[in-house]
Amino acid sequence: MDIFCPRCGEPWDIASLCEDMSKEDAQDLRRGKGCPCCAGHDLTEERPFRAEASGVLMDILGDDLDGVASMLEDFGF
């Protein structure tokens, strides 16, 4: 199951968050600061809807990434 970066909408597998990303990168993604793909880039364009949905769900569910991924899957992303 995937979650999406709340800044750029890039999909990330939950397993990669736990195994491949550094702790700092994973925490930045959860806090809405962006993923390694968009970190340091000025994203002046409008965020994709899936990025906005992911950001809102992360705010609501906090560290429950399985819940975020499950709800995003229910939305049809």
PDB file of N, CA and C in Angstrom:
ATOM      1  N   MET A   1       0.843  -1.175   0.000  1.00  0.00           N
ATOM      2  CA  MET A   1       0.000   0.000   0.000  1.00  0.00           C
ATOM      3  C   MET A   1       0.889   1.239   0.000  1.00  0.00           C
ATOM      4  N   ASP A   2       0.409   2.269  -0.665  1.00  0.00           N
ATOM      5  CA  ASP A   2       1.174   3.498  -0.811  1.00  0.00           C
ATOM      6  C   ASP A   2       0.549   4.635  -0.020  1.00  0.00           C
ATOM      7  N   ILE A   3       1.407   5.558   0.380  1.00  0.00           N
ATOM      8  CA  ILE A   3       0.969   6.873   0.827  1.00  0.00           C
ATOM      9  C   ILE A   3       1.587   7.859  -0.144  1.00  0.00           C
ATOM     10  N   PHE A   4       1.111   9.085  -0.135  1.00  0.00           N
ATOM     11  CA  PHE A   4       1.600  10.085  -1.065  1.00  0.00           C
ATOM     12  C   PHE A   4       2.232  11.233  -0.300  1.00  0.00           C
ATOM     13  N   CYS A   5       3.276  11.787  -0.891  1.00  0.00           N
ATOM     14  CA  CYS A   5       3.927  12.949  -0.291  1.00  0.00           C
ATOM     15  C   CYS A   5       2.922  14.086  -0.229  1.00  0.00           C
ATOM     16  N   PRO A   6       2.781  14.729   0.930  1.00  0.00           N
ATOM     17  CA  PRO A   6       1.805  15.806   1.050  1.00  0.00           C
ATOM     18  C   PRO A   6       2.203  17.090   0.324  1.00  0.00           C
ATOM     19  N   ARG A   7       3.424  17.157  -0.205  1.00  0.00           N
ATOM     20  CA  ARG A   7       3.847  18.337  -0.975  1.00  0.00           C
ATOM     21  C   ARG A   7       3.752  18.123  -2.472  1.00  0.00           C
ATOM     22  N   CYS A   8       4.274  16.988  -2.962  1.00  0.00           N
ATOM     23  CA  CYS A   8       4.352  16.805  -4.417  1.00  0.00           C
ATOM     24  C   CYS A   8       3.458  15.687  -4.937  1.00  0.00           C
ATOM     25  N   GLY A   9       2.964  14.832  -4.045  1.00  0.00           N
ATOM     26  CA  GLY A   9       2.089  13.742  -4.466  1.00  0.00           C
ATOM     27  C   GLY A   9       2.814  12.492  -4.920  1.00  0.00           C
ATOM     28  N   GLU A  10       4.122  12.428  -4.746  1.00  0.00           N
ATOM     29  CA  GLU A  10       4.900  11.242  -5.128  1.00  0.00           C
ATOM     30  C   GLU A  10       4.477  10.050  -4.267  1.00  0.00           C
ATOM     31  N   PRO A  11       4.184   8.894  -4.893  1.00  0.00           N
ATOM     32  CA  PRO A  11       3.780   7.724  -4.094  1.00  0.00           C
ATOM     33  C   PRO A  11       4.983   7.082  -3.403  1.00  0.00           C
ATOM     34  N   TRP A  12       4.759   6.662  -2.174  1.00  0.00           N
ATOM     35  CA  TRP A  12       5.785   5.965  -1.390  1.00  0.00           C
ATOM     36  C   TRP A  12       5.154   4.738  -0.764  1.00  0.00           C
ATOM     37  N   ASP A  13       5.821   3.609  -0.923  1.00  0.00           N
ATOM     38  CA  ASP A  13       5.379   2.371  -0.297  1.00  0.00           C
ATOM     39  C   ASP A  13       5.707   2.445   1.192  1.00  0.00           C
ATOM     40  N   ILE A  14       4.809   1.975   2.011  1.00  0.00           N
ATOM     41  CA  ILE A  14       5.024   2.036   3.464  1.00  0.00           C
ATOM     42  C   ILE A  14       6.287   1.284   3.867  1.00  0.00           C
ATOM     43  N   ALA A  15       6.558   0.164   3.220  1.00  0.00           N
ATOM     44  CA  ALA A  15       7.760  -0.606   3.553  1.00  0.00           C
ATOM     45  C   ALA A  15       9.021   0.204   3.270  1.00  0.00           C
ATOM     46  N   SER A  16       9.018   1.011   2.213  1.00  0.00           N
ATOM     47  CA  SER A  16      10.205   1.810   1.908  1.00  0.00           C
ATOM     48  C   SER A  16      10.415   2.895   2.953  1.00  0.00           C
ATOM     49  N   LEU A  17       9.328   3.378   3.551  1.00  0.00           N
ATOM     50  CA  LEU A  17       9.477   4.364   4.623  1.00  0.00           C
ATOM     51  C   LEU A  17      10.227   3.766   5.802  1.00  0.00           C
ATOM     52  N   CYS A  18       9.929   2.513   6.096  1.00  0.00           N
ATOM     53  CA  CYS A  18      10.535   1.861   7.251  1.00  0.00           C
ATOM     54  C   CYS A  18      11.934   1.337   6.962  1.00  0.00           C
ATOM     55  N   GLU A  19      12.193   0.924   5.730  1.00  0.00           N
ATOM     56  CA  GLU A  19      13.451   0.250   5.431  1.00  0.00           C
ATOM     57  C   GLU A  19      14.459   1.106   4.669  1.00  0.00           C
ATOM     58  N   ASP A  20      14.012   1.814   3.641  1.00  0.00           N
ATOM     59  CA  ASP A  20      14.943   2.479   2.732  1.00  0.00           C
ATOM     60  C   ASP A  20      15.247   3.923   3.099  1.00  0.00           C
ATOM     61  N   MET A  21      14.281   4.632   3.648  1.00  0.00           N
ATOM     62  CA  MET A  21      14.474   6.047   3.972  1.00  0.00           C
ATOM     63  C   MET A  21      15.179   6.205   5.304  1.00  0.00           C
ATOM     64  N   SER A  22      15.936   7.294   5.404  1.00  0.00           N
ATOM     65  CA  SER A  22      16.521   7.616   6.699  1.00  0.00           C
ATOM     66  C   SER A  22      15.407   8.080   7.634  1.00  0.00           C
ATOM     67  N   LYS A  23      15.668   8.046   8.915  1.00  0.00           N
ATOM     68  CA  LYS A  23      14.653   8.457   9.883  1.00  0.00           C
ATOM     69  C   LYS A  23      14.238   9.914   9.669  1.00  0.00           C
ATOM     70  N   GLU A  24      15.214  10.770   9.341  1.00  0.00           N
ATOM     71  CA  GLU A  24      14.917  12.182   9.134  1.00  0.00           C
ATOM     72  C   GLU A  24      14.005  12.384   7.934  1.00  0.00           C
ATOM     73  N   ASP A  25      14.291  11.667   6.827  1.00  0.00           N
ATOM     74  CA  ASP A  25      13.458  11.792   5.635  1.00  0.00           C
ATOM     75  C   ASP A  25      12.042  11.292   5.888  1.00  0.00           C
ATOM     76  N   ALA A  26      11.910  10.183   6.594  1.00  0.00           N
ATOM     77  CA  ALA A  26      10.586   9.638   6.893  1.00  0.00           C
ATOM     78  C   ALA A  26       9.803  10.581   7.803  1.00  0.00           C
ATOM     79  N   GLN A  27      10.475  11.193   8.776  1.00  0.00           N
ATOM     80  CA  GLN A  27       9.801  12.133   9.670  1.00  0.00           C
ATOM     81  C   GLN A  27       9.390  13.396   8.920  1.00  0.00           C
ATOM     82  N   ASP A  28      10.240  13.873   8.009  1.00  0.00           N
ATOM     83  CA  ASP A  28       9.884  15.040   7.206  1.00  0.00           C
ATOM     84  C   ASP A  28       8.653  14.757   6.353  1.00  0.00           C
ATOM     85  N   LEU A  29       8.584  13.558   5.784  1.00  0.00           N
ATOM     86  CA  LEU A  29       7.426  13.184   4.976  1.00  0.00           C
ATOM     87  C   LEU A  29       6.163  13.168   5.824  1.00  0.00           C
ATOM     88  N   ARG A  30       6.247  12.598   7.008  1.00  0.00           N
ATOM     89  CA  ARG A  30       5.078  12.527   7.898  1.00  0.00           C
ATOM     90  C   ARG A  30       4.632  13.906   8.364  1.00  0.00           C
ATOM     91  N   ARG A  31       5.583  14.814   8.536  1.00  0.00           N
ATOM     92  CA  ARG A  31       5.264  16.160   9.024  1.00  0.00           C
ATOM     93  C   ARG A  31       4.822  17.111   7.918  1.00  0.00           C
ATOM     94  N   GLY A  32       4.824  16.632   6.678  1.00  0.00           N
ATOM     95  CA  GLY A  32       4.377  17.464   5.575  1.00  0.00           C
ATOM     96  C   GLY A  32       5.450  18.351   4.980  1.00  0.00           C
ATOM     97  N   LYS A  33       6.723  18.106   5.331  1.00  0.00           N
ATOM     98  CA  LYS A  33       7.811  18.917   4.798  1.00  0.00           C
ATOM     99  C   LYS A  33       8.289  18.435   3.442  1.00  0.00           C
ATOM    100  N   GLY A  34       7.800  17.295   3.007  1.00  0.00           N
ATOM    101  CA  GLY A  34       8.174  16.786   1.689  1.00  0.00           C
ATOM    102  C   GLY A  34       9.008  15.532   1.757  1.00  0.00           C
ATOM    103  N   CYS A  35       9.166  14.914   0.595  1.00  0.00           N
ATOM    104  CA  CYS A  35       9.931  13.680   0.475  1.00  0.00           C
ATOM    105  C   CYS A  35      11.287  13.994  -0.163  1.00  0.00           C
ATOM    106  N   PRO A  36      12.178  13.019  -0.279  1.00  0.00           N
ATOM    107  CA  PRO A  36      13.469  13.270  -0.924  1.00  0.00           C
ATOM    108  C   PRO A  36      13.337  13.742  -2.375  1.00  0.00           C
ATOM    109  N   CYS A  37      12.230  13.431  -3.039  1.00  0.00           N
ATOM    110  CA  CYS A  37      12.029  13.866  -4.434  1.00  0.00           C
ATOM    111  C   CYS A  37      11.780  15.364  -4.534  1.00  0.00           C
ATOM    112  N   CYS A  38      11.095  15.930  -3.566  1.00  0.00           N
ATOM    113  CA  CYS A  38      10.746  17.348  -3.665  1.00  0.00           C
ATOM    114  C   CYS A  38      11.483  18.219  -2.652  1.00  0.00           C
ATOM    115  N   ALA A  39      12.256  17.635  -1.762  1.00  0.00           N
ATOM    116  CA  ALA A  39      12.969  18.413  -0.751  1.00  0.00           C
ATOM    117  C   ALA A  39      13.944  19.374  -1.439  1.00  0.00           C
ATOM    118  N   GLY A  40      13.880  20.607  -1.041  1.00  0.00           N
ATOM    119  CA  GLY A  40      14.769  21.613  -1.594  1.00  0.00           C
ATOM    120  C   GLY A  40      14.265  22.256  -2.872  1.00  0.00           C
ATOM    121  N   HIS A  41      13.155  21.781  -3.416  1.00  0.00           N
ATOM    122  CA  HIS A  41      12.587  22.360  -4.628  1.00  0.00           C
ATOM    123  C   HIS A  41      11.454  23.316  -4.256  1.00  0.00           C
ATOM    124  N   ASP A  42      11.351  24.389  -5.011  1.00  0.00           N
ATOM    125  CA  ASP A  42      10.266  25.332  -4.812  1.00  0.00           C
ATOM    126  C   ASP A  42       9.062  24.842  -5.595  1.00  0.00           C
ATOM    127  N   LEU A  43       8.063  24.370  -4.909  1.00  0.00           N
ATOM    128  CA  LEU A  43       6.867  23.855  -5.557  1.00  0.00           C
ATOM    129  C   LEU A  43       5.816  24.952  -5.617  1.00  0.00           C
ATOM    130  N   THR A  44       5.904  25.785  -6.643  1.00  0.00           N
ATOM    131  CA  THR A  44       4.980  26.899  -6.763  1.00  0.00           C
ATOM    132  C   THR A  44       3.685  26.501  -7.453  1.00  0.00           C
ATOM    133  N   GLU A  45       3.692  25.372  -8.147  1.00  0.00           N
ATOM    134  CA  GLU A  45       2.477  24.925  -8.814  1.00  0.00           C
ATOM    135  C   GLU A  45       1.489  24.357  -7.802  1.00  0.00           C
ATOM    136  N   GLU A  46       0.259  24.243  -8.215  1.00  0.00           N
ATOM    137  CA  GLU A  46      -0.777  23.721  -7.332  1.00  0.00           C
ATOM    138  C   GLU A  46      -0.519  22.251  -7.013  1.00  0.00           C
ATOM    139  N   ARG A  47      -0.734  21.899  -5.755  1.00  0.00           N
ATOM    140  CA  ARG A  47      -0.525  20.514  -5.343  1.00  0.00           C
ATOM    141  C   ARG A  47      -1.595  19.616  -5.929  1.00  0.00           C
ATOM    142  N   PRO A  48      -1.200  18.383  -6.300  1.00  0.00           N
ATOM    143  CA  PRO A  48      -2.213  17.430  -6.767  1.00  0.00           C
ATOM    144  C   PRO A  48      -3.197  17.106  -5.634  1.00  0.00           C
ATOM    145  N   PHE A  49      -4.411  16.720  -6.007  1.00  0.00           N
ATOM    146  CA  PHE A  49      -5.433  16.419  -5.007  1.00  0.00           C
ATOM    147  C   PHE A  49      -4.979  15.296  -4.085  1.00  0.00           C
ATOM    148  N   ARG A  50      -4.286  14.288  -4.633  1.00  0.00           N
ATOM    149  CA  ARG A  50      -3.850  13.179  -3.778  1.00  0.00           C
ATOM    150  C   ARG A  50      -2.843  13.652  -2.737  1.00  0.00           C
ATOM    151  N   ALA A  51      -2.043  14.684  -3.055  1.00  0.00           N
ATOM    152  CA  ALA A  51      -1.115  15.234  -2.072  1.00  0.00           C
ATOM    153  C   ALA A  51      -1.876  15.936  -0.962  1.00  0.00           C
ATOM    154  N   GLU A  52      -2.897  16.704  -1.328  1.00  0.00           N
ATOM    155  CA  GLU A  52      -3.707  17.381  -0.322  1.00  0.00           C
ATOM    156  C   GLU A  52      -4.445  16.382   0.564  1.00  0.00           C
ATOM    157  N   ALA A  53      -5.017  15.336  -0.061  1.00  0.00           N
ATOM    158  CA  ALA A  53      -5.732  14.313   0.709  1.00  0.00           C
ATOM    159  C   ALA A  53      -4.786  13.600   1.669  1.00  0.00           C
ATOM    160  N   SER A  54      -3.595  13.289   1.197  1.00  0.00           N
ATOM    161  CA  SER A  54      -2.616  12.613   2.044  1.00  0.00           C
ATOM    162  C   SER A  54      -2.212  13.489   3.224  1.00  0.00           C
ATOM    163  N   GLY A  55      -1.999  14.779   2.970  1.00  0.00           N
ATOM    164  CA  GLY A  55      -1.633  15.701   4.040  1.00  0.00           C
ATOM    165  C   GLY A  55      -2.705  15.815   5.103  1.00  0.00           C
ATOM    166  N   VAL A  56      -3.952  15.890   4.681  1.00  0.00           N
ATOM    167  CA  VAL A  56      -5.062  15.988   5.631  1.00  0.00           C
ATOM    168  C   VAL A  56      -5.172  14.710   6.455  1.00  0.00           C
ATOM    169  N   LEU A  57      -5.057  13.567   5.792  1.00  0.00           N
ATOM    170  CA  LEU A  57      -5.150  12.298   6.525  1.00  0.00           C
ATOM    171  C   LEU A  57      -3.990  12.134   7.502  1.00  0.00           C
ATOM    172  N   MET A  58      -2.795  12.595   7.134  1.00  0.00           N
ATOM    173  CA  MET A  58      -1.659  12.529   8.062  1.00  0.00           C
ATOM    174  C   MET A  58      -1.895  13.423   9.265  1.00  0.00           C
ATOM    175  N   ASP A  59      -2.537  14.583   9.050  1.00  0.00           N
ATOM    176  CA  ASP A  59      -2.877  15.459  10.178  1.00  0.00           C
ATOM    177  C   ASP A  59      -3.878  14.796  11.104  1.00  0.00           C
ATOM    178  N   ILE A  60      -4.857  14.128  10.528  1.00  0.00           N
ATOM    179  CA  ILE A  60      -5.918  13.505  11.330  1.00  0.00           C
ATOM    180  C   ILE A  60      -5.419  12.250  12.042  1.00  0.00           C
ATOM    181  N   LEU A  61      -4.723  11.373  11.307  1.00  0.00           N
ATOM    182  CA  LEU A  61      -4.345  10.066  11.851  1.00  0.00           C
ATOM    183  C   LEU A  61      -2.957  10.036  12.480  1.00  0.00           C
ATOM    184  N   GLY A  62      -2.169  11.076  12.316  1.00  0.00           N
ATOM    185  CA  GLY A  62      -0.856  11.137  12.936  1.00  0.00           C
ATOM    186  C   GLY A  62       0.088  10.076  12.412  1.00  0.00           C
ATOM    187  N   ASP A  63       0.642   9.264  13.290  1.00  0.00           N
ATOM    188  CA  ASP A  63       1.639   8.262  12.922  1.00  0.00           C
ATOM    189  C   ASP A  63       1.040   6.965  12.399  1.00  0.00           C
ATOM    190  N   ASP A  64      -0.254   6.880  12.259  1.00  0.00           N
ATOM    191  CA  ASP A  64      -0.901   5.660  11.772  1.00  0.00           C
ATOM    192  C   ASP A  64      -0.822   5.617  10.242  1.00  0.00           C
ATOM    193  N   LEU A  65       0.355   5.273   9.716  1.00  0.00           N
ATOM    194  CA  LEU A  65       0.557   5.259   8.267  1.00  0.00           C
ATOM    195  C   LEU A  65      -0.255   4.167   7.581  1.00  0.00           C
ATOM    196  N   ASP A  66      -0.489   3.061   8.274  1.00  0.00           N
ATOM    197  CA  ASP A  66      -1.340   2.018   7.700  1.00  0.00           C
ATOM    198  C   ASP A  66      -2.765   2.543   7.499  1.00  0.00           C
ATOM    199  N   GLY A  67      -3.242   3.324   8.446  1.00  0.00           N
ATOM    200  CA  GLY A  67      -4.567   3.918   8.320  1.00  0.00           C
ATOM    201  C   GLY A  67      -4.630   4.916   7.176  1.00  0.00           C
ATOM    202  N   VAL A  68      -3.571   5.723   7.022  1.00  0.00           N
ATOM    203  CA  VAL A  68      -3.514   6.688   5.922  1.00  0.00           C
ATOM    204  C   VAL A  68      -3.543   5.947   4.586  1.00  0.00           C
ATOM    205  N   ALA A  69      -2.698   4.920   4.457  1.00  0.00           N
ATOM    206  CA  ALA A  69      -2.642   4.153   3.210  1.00  0.00           C
ATOM    207  C   ALA A  69      -3.976   3.469   2.910  1.00  0.00           C
ATOM    208  N   SER A  70      -4.600   2.949   3.944  1.00  0.00           N
ATOM    209  CA  SER A  70      -5.879   2.264   3.764  1.00  0.00           C
ATOM    210  C   SER A  70      -6.961   3.238   3.299  1.00  0.00           C
ATOM    211  N   MET A  71      -7.009   4.421   3.921  1.00  0.00           N
ATOM    212  CA  MET A  71      -8.019   5.399   3.523  1.00  0.00           C
ATOM    213  C   MET A  71      -7.756   5.933   2.112  1.00  0.00           C
ATOM    214  N   LEU A  72      -6.483   6.120   1.750  1.00  0.00           N
ATOM    215  CA  LEU A  72      -6.171   6.557   0.390  1.00  0.00           C
ATOM    216  C   LEU A  72      -6.571   5.499  -0.627  1.00  0.00           C
ATOM    217  N   GLU A  73      -6.372   4.251  -0.264  1.00  0.00           N
ATOM    218  CA  GLU A  73      -6.784   3.162  -1.161  1.00  0.00           C
ATOM    219  C   GLU A  73      -8.307   3.145  -1.313  1.00  0.00           C
ATOM    220  N   ASP A  74      -9.021   3.425  -0.235  1.00  0.00           N
ATOM    221  CA  ASP A  74     -10.477   3.500  -0.302  1.00  0.00           C
ATOM    222  C   ASP A  74     -10.950   4.653  -1.191  1.00  0.00           C
ATOM    223  N   PHE A  75     -10.177   5.738  -1.217  1.00  0.00           N
ATOM    224  CA  PHE A  75     -10.514   6.878  -2.069  1.00  0.00           C
ATOM    225  C   PHE A  75     -10.301   6.550  -3.542  1.00  0.00           C
ATOM    226  N   GLY A  76      -9.532   5.515  -3.808  1.00  0.00           N
ATOM    227  CA  GLY A  76      -9.300   5.124  -5.199  1.00  0.00           C
ATOM    228  C   GLY A  76      -8.012   5.657  -5.780  1.00  0.00           C
ATOM    229  N   PHE A  77      -7.084   6.073  -4.921  1.00  0.00           N
ATOM    230  CA  PHE A  77      -5.797   6.532  -5.427  1.00  0.00           C
ATOM    231  C   PHE A  77      -4.933   5.320  -5.616  1.00  0.00           C
TER     232      PHE A  77
END
